[in-house]
């Protein structure tokens, strides 16, 4: 489907964060898919270890300024942007001092996972959707990379179910070997709750761990991509049991072409 609009959302992208399987794929895949005639937009969190000066990030005033409420607390949304000139691609960054000022991604200097990673992921998901709406970007397909993006289809399909920017979008989820290990505080259903969300649809997450989170996002997905060679086998079996189309692992030099065909299959 040429000219389809693909929204990429990733928890990490090179060169803004160190090289990893996710950050490398999230940098190269959108550029590769553009070669097949797709339009793309790309989002990531503005973690505190993203060097704003070196990477020439700047705030987009017209997109910033709203507050997002999580667990009865207001959190201002800031939007920043940078360009990867070689790819002719802009990257939009979701920022907030409460969640992203610390000079780290998911863990502190001792490797301990942050207690508020669940709220940070909720804020990121809400921020992506609100910003895409302000950009008037009507996504045909949203491709998610990393567990930090998992709440996006929840809010899009319930909070914004009547919004033309999202109400016909398909969802593709890449599964990686990037688990977190600390269980959340057991309040995630309450923190996620907004009017209209079907609590049964998010019941998978009651276990408050990585596998339950990813099973939830698989439930919302229209297609699954195996992004690593060693994805948790329980998640693969679960996706198969739900009848989800699955794209097998491809080497990175073949990934753009394979994903382009997979998108066309999902979009019909």
Protein backbone atom coordinates (compact mmCIF):
# COMPACT_ATOMS: atom_id res chain seq x y z
CA UNK A 1 0.00 0.00 0.00
CA UNK A 2 2.05 2.87 -1.31
CA UNK A 3 1.74 6.23 0.48
CA UNK A 4 0.49 4.53 3.65
CA UNK A 5 1.28 6.54 6.78
CA UNK A 6 3.37 4.61 9.28
CA UNK A 7 3.89 5.92 12.81
CA UNK A 8 6.99 4.44 14.44
CA UNK A 9 7.19 4.60 18.22
CA UNK A 10 10.33 3.35 19.93
CA UNK A 11 11.79 3.44 23.40
CA UNK A 12 15.29 4.08 21.98
CA UNK A 13 16.80 5.28 18.71
CA UNK A 14 20.39 5.75 17.57
CA UNK A 15 22.25 8.12 17.69
CA UNK A 16 20.30 9.69 20.55
CA UNK A 17 20.83 6.69 22.83
CA UNK A 18 23.59 4.05 22.75
CA UNK A 19 23.50 1.36 20.10
CA UNK A 20 21.33 -1.66 20.86
CA UNK A 21 19.21 -4.00 18.77
CA UNK A 22 16.15 -1.80 19.28
CA UNK A 23 17.90 1.54 18.80
CA UNK A 24 19.61 0.37 15.61
CA UNK A 25 16.44 -1.06 14.07
CA UNK A 26 14.43 1.99 15.12
CA UNK A 27 16.98 4.22 13.36
CA UNK A 28 17.23 2.25 10.11
CA UNK A 29 13.80 0.69 9.58
CA UNK A 30 11.82 3.93 9.03
CA UNK A 31 14.42 5.17 6.55
CA UNK A 32 14.31 1.85 4.69
CA UNK A 33 10.52 1.74 4.57
CA UNK A 34 10.40 5.27 3.14
CA UNK A 35 12.18 3.90 0.07
CA UNK A 36 9.05 1.87 -0.68
CA UNK A 37 6.85 4.97 -0.82
CA UNK A 38 5.55 4.98 2.75
CA UNK A 39 5.25 8.21 4.75
CA UNK A 40 6.67 7.98 8.26
CA UNK A 41 6.75 9.81 11.58
CA UNK A 42 8.95 8.67 14.47
CA UNK A 43 8.67 9.20 18.25
CA UNK A 44 10.82 8.35 21.27
CA UNK A 45 11.13 9.53 24.90
CA UNK A 46 13.52 12.39 25.66
CA UNK A 47 15.36 10.52 28.38
CA UNK A 48 17.74 12.65 30.44
CA UNK A 49 20.78 10.97 28.93
CA UNK A 50 19.86 12.23 25.45
CA UNK A 51 22.34 15.04 24.75
CA UNK A 52 20.13 17.88 23.56
CA UNK A 53 22.94 20.20 22.49
CA UNK A 54 24.97 17.65 20.56
CA UNK A 55 21.87 16.28 18.83
CA UNK A 56 20.36 19.73 18.24
CA UNK A 57 17.00 19.12 19.89
CA UNK A 58 14.69 22.09 20.15
CA UNK A 59 11.26 22.53 21.68
CA UNK A 60 8.23 22.79 19.43
CA UNK A 61 6.20 25.43 21.25
CA UNK A 62 3.02 24.93 19.22
CA UNK A 63 2.90 21.25 20.22
CA UNK A 64 3.83 21.68 23.89
CA UNK A 65 1.82 23.12 26.73
CA UNK A 66 -0.87 20.63 27.71
CA UNK A 67 -0.97 18.65 30.96
CA UNK A 68 -1.44 14.90 31.21
CA UNK A 69 -3.08 13.58 34.38
CA UNK A 70 -1.79 10.30 35.80
CA UNK A 71 -2.98 9.05 39.18
CA UNK A 72 -4.51 12.48 39.93
CA UNK A 73 -1.23 14.30 39.25
CA UNK A 74 -0.70 16.83 36.45
CA UNK A 75 2.42 16.42 34.32
CA UNK A 76 3.27 19.06 31.67
CA UNK A 77 3.94 17.72 28.18
CA UNK A 78 6.93 19.11 26.29
CA UNK A 79 7.63 18.21 22.67
CA UNK A 80 11.08 18.46 21.13
CA UNK A 81 12.34 17.59 17.67
CA UNK A 82 15.61 16.76 15.96
CA UNK A 83 16.57 15.69 12.46
CA UNK A 84 18.65 12.86 11.08
CA UNK A 85 19.85 14.71 8.01
CA UNK A 86 21.25 11.66 6.21
CA UNK A 87 17.83 10.00 6.37
CA UNK A 88 15.77 13.16 5.82
CA UNK A 89 13.85 12.09 8.90
CA UNK A 90 12.60 14.02 11.92
CA UNK A 91 12.42 12.47 15.38
CA UNK A 92 9.85 13.79 17.86
CA UNK A 93 10.71 13.53 21.56
CA UNK A 94 8.22 13.29 24.43
CA UNK A 95 9.58 15.15 27.45
CA UNK A 96 8.62 15.97 31.02
CA UNK A 97 10.84 17.00 33.93
CA UNK A 98 9.11 14.69 36.43
CA UNK A 99 9.77 11.57 34.38
CA UNK A 100 12.67 12.24 32.04
CA UNK A 101 15.03 14.75 33.66
CA UNK A 102 17.09 12.01 35.40
CA UNK A 103 20.24 11.08 33.44
CA UNK A 104 19.16 7.52 32.75
CA UNK A 105 16.66 5.44 30.83
CA UNK A 106 15.05 2.65 32.89
CA UNK A 107 17.52 2.03 35.72
CA UNK A 108 19.65 4.02 38.16
CA UNK A 109 23.45 3.94 38.33
CA UNK A 110 23.32 0.71 40.34
CA UNK A 111 21.07 -1.04 37.81
CA UNK A 112 17.90 -0.77 39.89
CA UNK A 113 14.75 -0.29 37.82
CA UNK A 114 12.90 2.94 38.59
CA UNK A 115 9.75 2.56 40.69
CA UNK A 116 7.77 4.86 38.37
CA UNK A 117 8.60 3.18 35.05
CA UNK A 118 4.92 2.30 34.66
CA UNK A 119 3.83 5.94 35.01
CA UNK A 120 6.64 7.06 32.72
CA UNK A 121 5.40 4.62 30.04
CA UNK A 122 1.81 5.81 30.48
CA UNK A 123 2.88 9.43 30.10
CA UNK A 124 4.92 8.59 27.00
CA UNK A 125 1.98 6.78 25.36
CA UNK A 126 -0.45 9.60 26.06
CA UNK A 127 2.12 12.16 24.88
CA UNK A 128 2.72 10.39 21.57
CA UNK A 129 -0.98 10.22 20.77
CA UNK A 130 -1.72 13.82 21.74
CA UNK A 131 1.22 15.04 19.66
CA UNK A 132 0.33 12.97 16.61
CA UNK A 133 -3.17 14.43 16.83
CA UNK A 134 -1.79 17.97 16.96
CA UNK A 135 0.36 17.17 13.93
CA UNK A 136 -2.84 16.06 12.15
CA UNK A 137 -1.14 12.76 11.39
CA UNK A 138 -3.75 10.13 10.52
CA UNK A 139 -1.85 6.88 11.00
CA UNK A 140 -2.64 3.89 8.82
CA UNK A 141 -0.36 1.70 10.90
CA UNK A 142 1.49 2.18 14.19
CA UNK A 143 4.62 0.07 14.73
CA UNK A 144 5.75 -0.28 18.34
CA UNK A 145 9.30 -1.08 19.45
CA UNK A 146 10.03 -1.98 23.06
CA UNK A 147 7.90 -2.58 26.15
CA UNK A 148 7.90 1.14 26.99
CA UNK A 149 5.50 1.71 24.07
CA UNK A 150 2.96 -0.92 25.14
CA UNK A 151 0.22 1.39 26.42
CA UNK A 152 -0.25 3.22 23.12
CA UNK A 153 -2.96 0.95 21.64
CA UNK A 154 -4.84 0.93 24.96
CA UNK A 155 -5.31 4.70 24.92
CA UNK A 156 -5.75 4.95 21.17
CA UNK A 157 -8.48 2.33 21.04
CA UNK A 158 -10.42 3.57 24.07
CA UNK A 159 -9.54 7.16 24.94
CA UNK A 160 -9.37 8.20 21.27
CA UNK A 161 -11.67 5.63 19.68
CA UNK A 162 -13.69 8.28 17.81
CA UNK A 163 -10.67 10.31 16.71
CA UNK A 164 -10.08 10.07 12.92
CA UNK A 165 -6.33 10.22 13.51
CA UNK A 166 -6.40 6.76 15.09
CA UNK A 167 -9.75 5.02 14.71
CA UNK A 168 -8.75 3.06 11.61
CA UNK A 169 -5.09 2.45 12.52
CA UNK A 170 -3.60 -1.03 12.60
CA UNK A 171 -0.98 -2.02 15.17
CA UNK A 172 2.22 -3.98 14.64
CA UNK A 173 4.32 -4.90 17.68
CA UNK A 174 7.97 -5.94 17.48
CA UNK A 175 8.95 -8.38 20.21
CA UNK A 176 12.54 -8.18 21.43
CA UNK A 177 14.68 -9.74 24.11
CA UNK A 178 14.43 -6.64 26.33
CA UNK A 179 12.60 -7.73 29.46
CA UNK A 180 12.28 -5.78 32.67
CA UNK A 181 12.35 -7.75 35.92
CA UNK A 182 10.93 -5.63 38.72
CA UNK A 183 7.21 -6.08 39.29
CA UNK A 184 5.18 -2.90 39.34
CA UNK A 185 3.27 -1.75 42.43
CA UNK A 186 -0.04 -3.44 41.62
CA UNK A 187 -1.84 -0.16 40.88
CA UNK A 188 -1.41 -0.17 37.12
CA UNK A 189 -5.10 -0.73 36.32
CA UNK A 190 -6.03 2.30 38.42
CA UNK A 191 -3.28 4.42 36.84
CA UNK A 192 -4.40 3.39 33.35
CA UNK A 193 -8.04 4.06 33.99
CA UNK A 194 -9.79 6.76 32.01
CA UNK A 195 -13.45 6.88 31.06
CA UNK A 196 -14.26 4.30 28.43
CA UNK A 197 -11.44 1.83 29.03
CA UNK A 198 -12.68 -1.75 29.24
CA UNK A 199 -10.99 -3.18 32.33
CA UNK A 200 -11.42 -6.69 30.94
CA UNK A 201 -9.34 -5.69 27.90
CA UNK A 202 -6.40 -4.80 30.14
CA UNK A 203 -6.86 -7.62 32.64
CA UNK A 204 -3.72 -9.38 31.36
CA UNK A 205 -1.62 -6.77 33.12
CA UNK A 206 -2.74 -7.73 36.63
CA UNK A 207 0.44 -9.76 37.11
CA UNK A 208 2.40 -6.48 36.88
CA UNK A 209 5.33 -8.04 35.03
CA UNK A 210 6.91 -7.97 31.58
CA UNK A 211 5.20 -11.06 30.17
CA UNK A 212 1.72 -9.93 31.21
CA UNK A 213 2.35 -6.46 29.76
CA UNK A 214 3.43 -7.87 26.42
CA UNK A 215 0.51 -10.33 26.34
CA UNK A 216 -1.76 -7.33 26.75
CA UNK A 217 -0.22 -5.49 23.80
CA UNK A 218 -0.36 -8.68 21.71
CA UNK A 219 -4.11 -8.73 22.39
CA UNK A 220 -4.37 -5.27 20.82
CA UNK A 221 -2.00 -5.97 17.92
CA UNK A 222 -2.93 -6.74 14.31
CA UNK A 223 0.48 -8.24 13.62
CA UNK A 224 3.62 -9.37 15.44
CA UNK A 225 7.23 -8.99 14.29
CA UNK A 226 9.96 -11.09 15.90
CA UNK A 227 12.67 -8.49 16.32
CA UNK A 228 15.19 -10.71 18.12
CA UNK A 229 16.38 -14.26 17.61
CA UNK A 230 15.66 -15.07 21.25
CA UNK A 231 12.21 -13.65 21.98
CA UNK A 232 10.55 -15.07 25.09
CA UNK A 233 8.95 -18.32 23.79
CA UNK A 234 5.89 -17.86 26.01
CA UNK A 235 5.05 -14.68 24.09
CA UNK A 236 5.50 -16.36 20.71
CA UNK A 237 3.21 -19.20 21.72
CA UNK A 238 0.66 -16.74 23.08
CA UNK A 239 0.65 -14.75 19.83
CA UNK A 240 0.14 -17.96 17.86
CA UNK A 241 -2.69 -19.04 20.15
CA UNK A 242 -4.44 -15.74 19.48
CA UNK A 243 -4.17 -16.25 15.71
CA UNK A 244 -2.01 -13.17 15.17
CA UNK A 245 -0.07 -12.85 11.88
CA UNK A 246 3.60 -13.26 12.77
CA UNK A 247 6.58 -12.07 10.76
CA UNK A 248 9.57 -14.26 11.53
CA UNK A 249 12.94 -12.79 12.45
CA UNK A 250 14.82 -11.21 9.54
CA UNK A 251 18.42 -9.96 9.46
CA UNK A 252 18.54 -6.19 9.59
CA UNK A 253 19.65 -5.82 5.96
CA UNK A 254 16.40 -7.55 4.93
CA UNK A 255 14.11 -6.01 7.52
CA UNK A 256 12.76 -2.97 5.66
CA UNK A 257 11.62 -4.97 2.64
CA UNK A 258 10.11 -7.69 4.84
CA UNK A 259 8.27 -5.16 7.04
CA UNK A 260 6.99 -3.27 4.00
CA UNK A 261 5.40 -6.47 2.70
CA UNK A 262 4.07 -7.30 6.17
CA UNK A 263 2.50 -3.83 6.50
CA UNK A 264 0.79 -4.29 3.13
CA UNK A 265 -0.55 -7.66 4.32
CA UNK A 266 -1.92 -6.12 7.54
CA UNK A 267 -3.40 -3.10 5.74
CA UNK A 268 -5.03 -5.27 3.09
